[in-house]
């Protein structure tokens, strides 16, 4: 159910598609998806809770990438 909730929002899909192109700092996403940093953080939390993305810290930066589960789900959704 968490996966469906995560994929049921257009903004989260845009964020997920951007992350699928390679690891990215959360600080870069607001400019790319044209929403505020707090909104990006809320969407990333939903994606993390669903297991679709992973996060790693590099100093003060939080870098996001697709999890194995996220890659599988995204490829299946793209096939629809």
Protein backbone atom coordinates (compact mmCIF):
# COMPACT_ATOMS: atom_id res chain seq x y z
CA UNK A 1 0.00 0.00 0.00
CA UNK A 2 2.89 2.38 0.73
CA UNK A 3 4.20 1.89 -2.80
CA UNK A 4 0.84 2.79 -4.33
CA UNK A 5 0.62 5.89 -2.15
CA UNK A 6 4.15 6.89 -3.14
CA UNK A 7 3.46 6.43 -6.85
CA UNK A 8 0.03 8.07 -6.68
CA UNK A 9 1.40 11.60 -6.66
CA UNK A 10 2.71 13.34 -9.78
CA UNK A 11 5.35 15.29 -7.86
CA UNK A 12 6.74 12.12 -6.28
CA UNK A 13 6.87 10.50 -9.71
CA UNK A 14 8.84 13.49 -11.04
CA UNK A 15 11.23 13.26 -8.08
CA UNK A 16 11.58 9.51 -8.54
CA UNK A 17 12.26 9.89 -12.26
CA UNK A 18 14.96 12.47 -11.55
CA UNK A 19 16.57 10.26 -8.90
CA UNK A 20 16.51 7.36 -11.38
CA UNK A 21 19.03 9.24 -13.55
CA UNK A 22 21.63 9.12 -10.79
CA UNK A 23 22.38 10.03 -7.21
CA UNK A 24 21.32 13.56 -6.37
CA UNK A 25 21.50 15.90 -3.41
CA UNK A 26 18.15 16.75 -1.86
CA UNK A 27 19.21 20.40 -2.04
CA UNK A 28 19.04 20.29 -5.87
CA UNK A 29 15.53 18.85 -6.14
CA UNK A 30 13.43 21.95 -5.29
CA UNK A 31 14.82 23.82 -8.29
CA UNK A 32 14.34 20.83 -10.58
CA UNK A 33 10.77 19.96 -9.61
CA UNK A 34 9.78 23.55 -8.80
CA UNK A 35 8.51 23.06 -5.26
CA UNK A 36 9.79 24.21 -1.86
CA UNK A 37 12.49 22.40 0.12
CA UNK A 38 10.03 21.41 2.89
CA UNK A 39 7.69 19.92 0.26
CA UNK A 40 10.58 17.99 -1.30
CA UNK A 41 11.50 16.65 2.15
CA UNK A 42 7.93 15.43 2.73
CA UNK A 43 7.85 13.68 -0.64
CA UNK A 44 11.27 12.10 -0.07
CA UNK A 45 10.06 10.74 3.27
CA UNK A 46 7.15 9.00 1.55
CA UNK A 47 9.52 7.54 -1.06
CA UNK A 48 11.91 6.38 1.68
CA UNK A 49 9.09 4.83 3.73
CA UNK A 50 7.96 2.92 0.63
CA UNK A 51 11.50 1.63 0.13
CA UNK A 52 11.82 3.17 -3.33
CA UNK A 53 14.87 5.34 -2.59
CA UNK A 54 17.96 5.16 -0.42
CA UNK A 55 19.78 8.02 1.26
CA UNK A 56 23.40 8.44 2.17
CA UNK A 57 24.95 11.32 4.03
CA UNK A 58 28.03 13.08 2.72
CA UNK A 59 28.92 15.76 5.24
CA UNK A 60 25.89 18.03 5.47
CA UNK A 61 24.41 16.72 2.20
CA UNK A 62 21.81 13.98 1.90
CA UNK A 63 22.25 12.11 -1.37
CA UNK A 64 19.36 10.10 -2.76
CA UNK A 65 19.42 7.19 -5.19
CA UNK A 66 17.00 4.49 -6.28
CA UNK A 67 16.89 1.34 -4.21
CA UNK A 68 16.78 -2.05 -5.93
CA UNK A 69 13.08 -2.15 -5.17
CA UNK A 70 12.69 1.35 -6.65
CA UNK A 71 14.45 0.35 -9.87
CA UNK A 72 12.23 -2.71 -10.23
CA UNK A 73 9.00 -0.81 -9.52
CA UNK A 74 9.95 2.11 -11.78
CA UNK A 75 10.72 -0.23 -14.69
CA UNK A 76 7.39 -1.99 -14.17
CA UNK A 77 5.50 1.31 -14.03
CA UNK A 78 7.27 2.52 -17.18
CA UNK A 79 6.07 -0.60 -18.98
CA UNK A 80 2.43 0.35 -18.32
